[in-house]
């Protein structure tokens, strides 16, 4: 079971709970993006659209935080316990990309 919870060959088996939570967050972002498109199509005022863009960005950031947290708890922790130090470099590179 432990192998299913960690990154193996660049894939990961997720629990049903984790999967549902991540999908829920993505569905929310997708709905927000559709809403922004609708606002643009209806010629909504710029600041109203920008407020919705900020909300969509916040929702996507929440998705990233949740995914990163789970990645560190499972994949990274396991690899470190197994002495796979290259995982630390991968994590640092991922964090640098997220902080751009």
Protein backbone atom coordinates (compact mmCIF):
# COMPACT_ATOMS: atom_id res chain seq x y z
CA UNK A 1 0.00 0.00 0.00
CA UNK A 2 2.85 2.41 0.77
CA UNK A 3 4.07 2.24 -2.83
CA UNK A 4 0.65 3.41 -4.00
CA UNK A 5 0.91 6.52 -1.86
CA UNK A 6 4.23 7.72 -3.30
CA UNK A 7 5.64 8.90 -6.56
CA UNK A 8 6.83 5.91 -8.54
CA UNK A 9 8.07 6.36 -12.08
CA UNK A 10 6.59 9.86 -12.12
CA UNK A 11 3.04 8.72 -11.40
CA UNK A 12 1.10 8.63 -8.16
CA UNK A 13 -1.85 6.66 -6.86
CA UNK A 14 -4.03 9.06 -4.90
CA UNK A 15 -6.56 8.21 -2.25
CA UNK A 16 -10.19 8.72 -3.22
CA UNK A 17 -10.39 11.55 -0.67
CA UNK A 18 -7.34 13.37 -2.10
CA UNK A 19 -8.58 12.87 -5.66
CA UNK A 20 -12.05 14.21 -4.85
CA UNK A 21 -10.64 17.22 -3.04
CA UNK A 22 -8.31 18.14 -5.89
CA UNK A 23 -11.00 17.62 -8.53
CA UNK A 24 -13.39 19.78 -6.49
CA UNK A 25 -10.83 22.60 -6.43
CA UNK A 26 -10.20 22.30 -10.17
CA UNK A 27 -13.91 22.30 -10.92
CA UNK A 28 -14.22 25.50 -8.93
CA UNK A 29 -11.39 27.13 -10.89
CA UNK A 30 -12.92 25.94 -14.15
CA UNK A 31 -16.27 27.46 -13.19
CA UNK A 32 -14.59 30.73 -12.27
CA UNK A 33 -12.80 30.86 -15.63
CA UNK A 34 -16.08 30.24 -17.46
CA UNK A 35 -17.62 33.03 -15.38
CA UNK A 36 -14.81 35.40 -16.34
CA UNK A 37 -15.33 34.57 -20.00
CA UNK A 38 -19.04 35.25 -19.60
CA UNK A 39 -18.31 38.58 -17.96
CA UNK A 40 -16.04 39.56 -20.83
CA UNK A 41 -18.64 38.49 -23.39
CA UNK A 42 -21.23 40.64 -21.59
CA UNK A 43 -18.87 43.63 -21.53
CA UNK A 44 -18.61 43.70 -17.74
CA UNK A 45 -16.65 46.49 -16.13
CA UNK A 46 -12.88 45.91 -15.99
CA UNK A 47 -12.50 45.99 -12.21
CA UNK A 48 -15.34 43.48 -11.80
CA UNK A 49 -13.56 41.09 -14.17
CA UNK A 50 -10.24 41.66 -12.42
CA UNK A 51 -11.83 40.82 -9.06
CA UNK A 52 -12.98 37.50 -10.48
CA UNK A 53 -9.52 36.87 -11.98
CA UNK A 54 -8.03 37.41 -8.51
CA UNK A 55 -10.51 34.91 -7.06
CA UNK A 56 -9.61 32.35 -9.74
CA UNK A 57 -5.90 32.88 -9.07
CA UNK A 58 -6.49 32.36 -5.34
CA UNK A 59 -8.42 29.15 -6.03
CA UNK A 60 -5.65 27.84 -8.30
CA UNK A 61 -3.05 28.73 -5.67
CA UNK A 62 -5.08 26.80 -3.07
CA UNK A 63 -5.04 23.79 -5.42
CA UNK A 64 -1.26 24.09 -5.77
CA UNK A 65 -0.75 24.36 -2.00
CA UNK A 66 -2.87 21.27 -1.35
CA UNK A 67 -1.10 19.25 -4.05
CA UNK A 68 2.35 20.39 -2.89
CA UNK A 69 1.54 19.57 0.73
CA UNK A 70 0.48 16.06 -0.16
CA UNK A 71 3.52 15.64 -2.41
CA UNK A 72 5.88 16.59 0.43
CA UNK A 73 4.09 14.35 2.95
CA UNK A 74 4.16 11.31 0.67
CA UNK A 75 6.58 11.33 -2.26
CA UNK A 76 9.28 13.59 -0.86
CA UNK A 77 9.24 12.10 2.65
CA UNK A 78 9.47 8.57 1.31
CA UNK A 79 12.30 9.38 -1.09
CA UNK A 80 14.28 11.12 1.65
CA UNK A 81 13.81 8.14 3.96
CA UNK A 82 15.12 5.95 1.12
CA UNK A 83 18.16 8.19 0.65
CA UNK A 84 17.08 9.61 -2.71
CA UNK A 85 18.59 13.07 -2.29
CA UNK A 86 17.78 14.06 -5.88
CA UNK A 87 14.19 14.47 -4.73
CA UNK A 88 15.29 17.50 -2.69
CA UNK A 89 16.67 19.13 -5.85
CA UNK A 90 13.41 18.35 -7.64
CA UNK A 91 11.41 19.90 -4.79
CA UNK A 92 13.59 23.03 -4.78
CA UNK A 93 13.12 23.40 -8.56
CA UNK A 94 9.36 22.95 -8.16
CA UNK A 95 9.20 25.59 -5.42
CA UNK A 96 11.19 28.01 -7.58
CA UNK A 97 8.70 27.54 -10.41
CA UNK A 98 5.77 28.10 -8.06
CA UNK A 99 7.29 31.30 -6.70
CA UNK A 100 7.72 33.04 -10.06
